Amino acid sequence: MNVPFFRLNSLLSEDVPMDCVVEQTINRMVKETKAYIGQNIADIKTVAKLLTKK
């Protein structure tokens, strides 16, 4: 089987509960996630291309 596999999940510096409302924690999560996206943009674009292929 020739099926591409991608694992895209940003690793956060700490475990954060789903119901977290602490603005500082949420801002840190956003910053870390944006950094992850920047570092993995090529893979993200490849996945997007594969998912939108007709």
PDB file of N, CA and C in Angstrom:
ATOM      1  N   MET A   1       0.838  -1.185   0.000  1.00  0.00           N
ATOM      2  CA  MET A   1       0.000   0.000   0.000  1.00  0.00           C
ATOM      3  C   MET A   1       0.878   1.241   0.000  1.00  0.00           C
ATOM      4  N   ASN A   2       0.609   2.095  -0.901  1.00  0.00           N
ATOM      5  CA  ASN A   2       1.366   3.340  -0.988  1.00  0.00           C
ATOM      6  C   ASN A   2       0.497   4.478  -0.455  1.00  0.00           C
ATOM      7  N   VAL A   3       0.410   4.568   0.860  1.00  0.00           N
ATOM      8  CA  VAL A   3      -0.439   5.565   1.510  1.00  0.00           C
ATOM      9  C   VAL A   3       0.438   6.482   2.357  1.00  0.00           C
ATOM     10  N   PRO A   4       0.407   7.782   2.071  1.00  0.00           N
ATOM     11  CA  PRO A   4       1.225   8.701   2.873  1.00  0.00           C
ATOM     12  C   PRO A   4       0.706   8.807   4.302  1.00  0.00           C
ATOM     13  N   PHE A   5       1.620   8.994   5.225  1.00  0.00           N
ATOM     14  CA  PHE A   5       1.253   9.142   6.639  1.00  0.00           C
ATOM     15  C   PHE A   5       1.858  10.430   7.169  1.00  0.00           C
ATOM     16  N   PHE A   6       1.046  11.209   7.809  1.00  0.00           N
ATOM     17  CA  PHE A   6       1.501  12.448   8.437  1.00  0.00           C
ATOM     18  C   PHE A   6       0.959  12.497   9.853  1.00  0.00           C
ATOM     19  N   ARG A   7       1.785  12.898  10.772  1.00  0.00           N
ATOM     20  CA  ARG A   7       1.337  13.125  12.146  1.00  0.00           C
ATOM     21  C   ARG A   7       1.597  14.596  12.447  1.00  0.00           C
ATOM     22  N   LEU A   8       0.532  15.345  12.528  1.00  0.00           N
ATOM     23  CA  LEU A   8       0.640  16.783  12.752  1.00  0.00           C
ATOM     24  C   LEU A   8      -0.012  17.134  14.079  1.00  0.00           C
ATOM     25  N   ASN A   9       0.785  17.277  15.086  1.00  0.00           N
ATOM     26  CA  ASN A   9       0.279  17.745  16.379  1.00  0.00           C
ATOM     27  C   ASN A   9       1.399  18.492  17.091  1.00  0.00           C
ATOM     28  N   SER A  10       1.093  19.718  17.435  1.00  0.00           N
ATOM     29  CA  SER A  10       2.122  20.525  18.093  1.00  0.00           C
ATOM     30  C   SER A  10       2.282  20.081  19.540  1.00  0.00           C
ATOM     31  N   LEU A  11       3.515  19.997  19.969  1.00  0.00           N
ATOM     32  CA  LEU A  11       3.792  19.644  21.355  1.00  0.00           C
ATOM     33  C   LEU A  11       3.819  20.922  22.171  1.00  0.00           C
ATOM     34  N   LEU A  12       3.023  20.964  23.203  1.00  0.00           N
ATOM     35  CA  LEU A  12       2.969  22.140  24.058  1.00  0.00           C
ATOM     36  C   LEU A  12       3.934  21.978  25.224  1.00  0.00           C
ATOM     37  N   SER A  13       4.342  23.081  25.787  1.00  0.00           N
ATOM     38  CA  SER A  13       5.317  23.055  26.875  1.00  0.00           C
ATOM     39  C   SER A  13       4.728  22.542  28.181  1.00  0.00           C
ATOM     40  N   GLU A  14       3.401  22.455  28.243  1.00  0.00           N
ATOM     41  CA  GLU A  14       2.750  21.931  29.449  1.00  0.00           C
ATOM     42  C   GLU A  14       1.393  21.349  29.082  1.00  0.00           C
ATOM     43  N   ASP A  15       0.887  20.448  29.908  1.00  0.00           N
ATOM     44  CA  ASP A  15      -0.460  19.922  29.728  1.00  0.00           C
ATOM     45  C   ASP A  15      -1.454  20.992  30.152  1.00  0.00           C
ATOM     46  N   VAL A  16      -2.459  21.203  29.312  1.00  0.00           N
ATOM     47  CA  VAL A  16      -3.457  22.233  29.585  1.00  0.00           C
ATOM     48  C   VAL A  16      -4.828  21.569  29.568  1.00  0.00           C
ATOM     49  N   PRO A  17      -5.615  21.762  30.614  1.00  0.00           N
ATOM     50  CA  PRO A  17      -6.956  21.174  30.627  1.00  0.00           C
ATOM     51  C   PRO A  17      -7.836  21.784  29.532  1.00  0.00           C
ATOM     52  N   MET A  18      -8.780  21.001  29.037  1.00  0.00           N
ATOM     53  CA  MET A  18      -9.662  21.458  27.965  1.00  0.00           C
ATOM     54  C   MET A  18     -10.484  22.680  28.353  1.00  0.00           C
ATOM     55  N   ASP A  19     -10.764  22.830  29.631  1.00  0.00           N
ATOM     56  CA  ASP A  19     -11.607  23.945  30.070  1.00  0.00           C
ATOM     57  C   ASP A  19     -10.789  25.136  30.574  1.00  0.00           C
ATOM     58  N   CYS A  20      -9.535  25.213  30.199  1.00  0.00           N
ATOM     59  CA  CYS A  20      -8.655  26.299  30.632  1.00  0.00           C
ATOM     60  C   CYS A  20      -9.153  27.639  30.081  1.00  0.00           C
ATOM     61  N   VAL A  21      -9.215  28.635  30.946  1.00  0.00           N
ATOM     62  CA  VAL A  21      -9.623  29.979  30.534  1.00  0.00           C
ATOM     63  C   VAL A  21      -8.572  31.024  30.918  1.00  0.00           C
ATOM     64  N   VAL A  22      -7.407  30.577  31.337  1.00  0.00           N
ATOM     65  CA  VAL A  22      -6.331  31.484  31.740  1.00  0.00           C
ATOM     66  C   VAL A  22      -5.716  32.089  30.475  1.00  0.00           C
ATOM     67  N   GLU A  23      -5.870  33.393  30.312  1.00  0.00           N
ATOM     68  CA  GLU A  23      -5.455  34.066  29.082  1.00  0.00           C
ATOM     69  C   GLU A  23      -3.973  33.876  28.778  1.00  0.00           C
ATOM     70  N   GLN A  24      -3.128  33.941  29.787  1.00  0.00           N
ATOM     71  CA  GLN A  24      -1.683  33.775  29.594  1.00  0.00           C
ATOM     72  C   GLN A  24      -1.375  32.378  29.045  1.00  0.00           C
ATOM     73  N   THR A  25      -2.042  31.370  29.578  1.00  0.00           N
ATOM     74  CA  THR A  25      -1.833  29.994  29.120  1.00  0.00           C
ATOM     75  C   THR A  25      -2.306  29.829  27.680  1.00  0.00           C
ATOM     76  N   ILE A  26      -3.467  30.373  27.369  1.00  0.00           N
ATOM     77  CA  ILE A  26      -4.013  30.269  26.015  1.00  0.00           C
ATOM     78  C   ILE A  26      -3.108  30.999  25.025  1.00  0.00           C
ATOM     79  N   ASN A  27      -2.625  32.171  25.395  1.00  0.00           N
ATOM     80  CA  ASN A  27      -1.713  32.915  24.517  1.00  0.00           C
ATOM     81  C   ASN A  27      -0.426  32.138  24.260  1.00  0.00           C
ATOM     82  N   ARG A  28       0.096  31.469  25.278  1.00  0.00           N
ATOM     83  CA  ARG A  28       1.306  30.657  25.115  1.00  0.00           C
ATOM     84  C   ARG A  28       1.026  29.486  24.162  1.00  0.00           C
ATOM     85  N   MET A  29      -0.147  28.862  24.307  1.00  0.00           N
ATOM     86  CA  MET A  29      -0.517  27.764  23.418  1.00  0.00           C
ATOM     87  C   MET A  29      -0.592  28.240  21.967  1.00  0.00           C
ATOM     88  N   VAL A  30      -1.190  29.402  21.746  1.00  0.00           N
ATOM     89  CA  VAL A  30      -1.301  29.956  20.395  1.00  0.00           C
ATOM     90  C   VAL A  30       0.092  30.220  19.825  1.00  0.00           C
ATOM     91  N   LYS A  31       0.965  30.813  20.617  1.00  0.00           N
ATOM     92  CA  LYS A  31       2.329  31.118  20.169  1.00  0.00           C
ATOM     93  C   LYS A  31       3.080  29.839  19.803  1.00  0.00           C
ATOM     94  N   GLU A  32       2.986  28.822  20.648  1.00  0.00           N
ATOM     95  CA  GLU A  32       3.674  27.558  20.391  1.00  0.00           C
ATOM     96  C   GLU A  32       3.109  26.868  19.154  1.00  0.00           C
ATOM     97  N   THR A  33       1.797  26.941  18.973  1.00  0.00           N
ATOM     98  CA  THR A  33       1.167  26.309  17.817  1.00  0.00           C
ATOM     99  C   THR A  33       1.553  27.025  16.528  1.00  0.00           C
ATOM    100  N   LYS A  34       1.603  28.353  16.555  1.00  0.00           N
ATOM    101  CA  LYS A  34       2.032  29.108  15.373  1.00  0.00           C
ATOM    102  C   LYS A  34       3.483  28.776  15.016  1.00  0.00           C
ATOM    103  N   ALA A  35       4.330  28.626  16.018  1.00  0.00           N
ATOM    104  CA  ALA A  35       5.723  28.249  15.770  1.00  0.00           C
ATOM    105  C   ALA A  35       5.786  26.862  15.133  1.00  0.00           C
ATOM    106  N   TYR A  36       4.978  25.932  15.620  1.00  0.00           N
ATOM    107  CA  TYR A  36       4.928  24.581  15.067  1.00  0.00           C
ATOM    108  C   TYR A  36       4.499  24.621  13.602  1.00  0.00           C
ATOM    109  N   ILE A  37       3.470  25.409  13.313  1.00  0.00           N
ATOM    110  CA  ILE A  37       2.992  25.520  11.934  1.00  0.00           C
ATOM    111  C   ILE A  37       4.100  26.062  11.039  1.00  0.00           C
ATOM    112  N   GLY A  38       4.798  27.087  11.503  1.00  0.00           N
ATOM    113  CA  GLY A  38       5.894  27.658  10.724  1.00  0.00           C
ATOM    114  C   GLY A  38       6.995  26.656  10.435  1.00  0.00           C
ATOM    115  N   GLN A  39       7.279  25.798  11.398  1.00  0.00           N
ATOM    116  CA  GLN A  39       8.343  24.802  11.239  1.00  0.00           C
ATOM    117  C   GLN A  39       7.916  23.623  10.365  1.00  0.00           C
ATOM    118  N   ASN A  40       6.604  23.426  10.218  1.00  0.00           N
ATOM    119  CA  ASN A  40       6.098  22.259   9.489  1.00  0.00           C
ATOM    120  C   ASN A  40       5.212  22.642   8.310  1.00  0.00           C
ATOM    121  N   ILE A  41       5.392  23.848   7.795  1.00  0.00           N
ATOM    122  CA  ILE A  41       4.518  24.347   6.738  1.00  0.00           C
ATOM    123  C   ILE A  41       4.568  23.479   5.480  1.00  0.00           C
ATOM    124  N   ALA A  42       5.708  22.919   5.154  1.00  0.00           N
ATOM    125  CA  ALA A  42       5.814  22.078   3.954  1.00  0.00           C
ATOM    126  C   ALA A  42       4.917  20.846   4.081  1.00  0.00           C
ATOM    127  N   ASP A  43       4.959  20.173   5.225  1.00  0.00           N
ATOM    128  CA  ASP A  43       4.098  19.002   5.438  1.00  0.00           C
ATOM    129  C   ASP A  43       2.627  19.398   5.432  1.00  0.00           C
ATOM    130  N   ILE A  44       2.307  20.518   6.034  1.00  0.00           N
ATOM    131  CA  ILE A  44       0.913  20.976   6.089  1.00  0.00           C
ATOM    132  C   ILE A  44       0.396  21.255   4.678  1.00  0.00           C
ATOM    133  N   LYS A  45       1.217  21.883   3.854  1.00  0.00           N
ATOM    134  CA  LYS A  45       0.812  22.148   2.468  1.00  0.00           C
ATOM    135  C   LYS A  45       0.650  20.855   1.681  1.00  0.00           C
ATOM    136  N   THR A  46       1.518  19.886   1.938  1.00  0.00           N
ATOM    137  CA  THR A  46       1.409  18.594   1.260  1.00  0.00           C
ATOM    138  C   THR A  46       0.114  17.893   1.641  1.00  0.00           C
ATOM    139  N   VAL A  47      -0.220  17.885   2.914  1.00  0.00           N
ATOM    140  CA  VAL A  47      -1.471  17.270   3.375  1.00  0.00           C
ATOM    141  C   VAL A  47      -2.666  17.980   2.741  1.00  0.00           C
ATOM    142  N   ALA A  48      -2.647  19.296   2.726  1.00  0.00           N
ATOM    143  CA  ALA A  48      -3.748  20.062   2.132  1.00  0.00           C
ATOM    144  C   ALA A  48      -3.920  19.708   0.659  1.00  0.00           C
ATOM    145  N   LYS A  49      -2.809  19.578  -0.038  1.00  0.00           N
ATOM    146  CA  LYS A  49      -2.859  19.223  -1.458  1.00  0.00           C
ATOM    147  C   LYS A  49      -3.458  17.827  -1.648  1.00  0.00           C
ATOM    148  N   LEU A  50      -3.038  16.883  -0.822  1.00  0.00           N
ATOM    149  CA  LEU A  50      -3.570  15.519  -0.920  1.00  0.00           C
ATOM    150  C   LEU A  50      -5.062  15.467  -0.593  1.00  0.00           C
ATOM    151  N   LEU A  51      -5.479  16.235   0.392  1.00  0.00           N
ATOM    152  CA  LEU A  51      -6.883  16.213   0.816  1.00  0.00           C
ATOM    153  C   LEU A  51      -7.811  16.910  -0.175  1.00  0.00           C
ATOM    154  N   THR A  52      -7.273  17.829  -0.962  1.00  0.00           N
ATOM    155  CA  THR A  52      -8.119  18.546  -1.920  1.00  0.00           C
ATOM    156  C   THR A  52      -7.985  17.999  -3.340  1.00  0.00           C
ATOM    157  N   LYS A  53      -7.194  16.949  -3.495  1.00  0.00           N
ATOM    158  CA  LYS A  53      -7.017  16.315  -4.803  1.00  0.00           C
ATOM    159  C   LYS A  53      -8.329  15.653  -5.217  1.00  0.00           C
ATOM    160  N   LYS A  54      -8.705  15.851  -6.470  1.00  0.00           N
ATOM    161  CA  LYS A  54      -9.964  15.256  -6.968  1.00  0.00           C
ATOM    162  C   LYS A  54      -9.697  14.096  -7.873  1.00  0.00           C
TER     163      LYS A  54
END
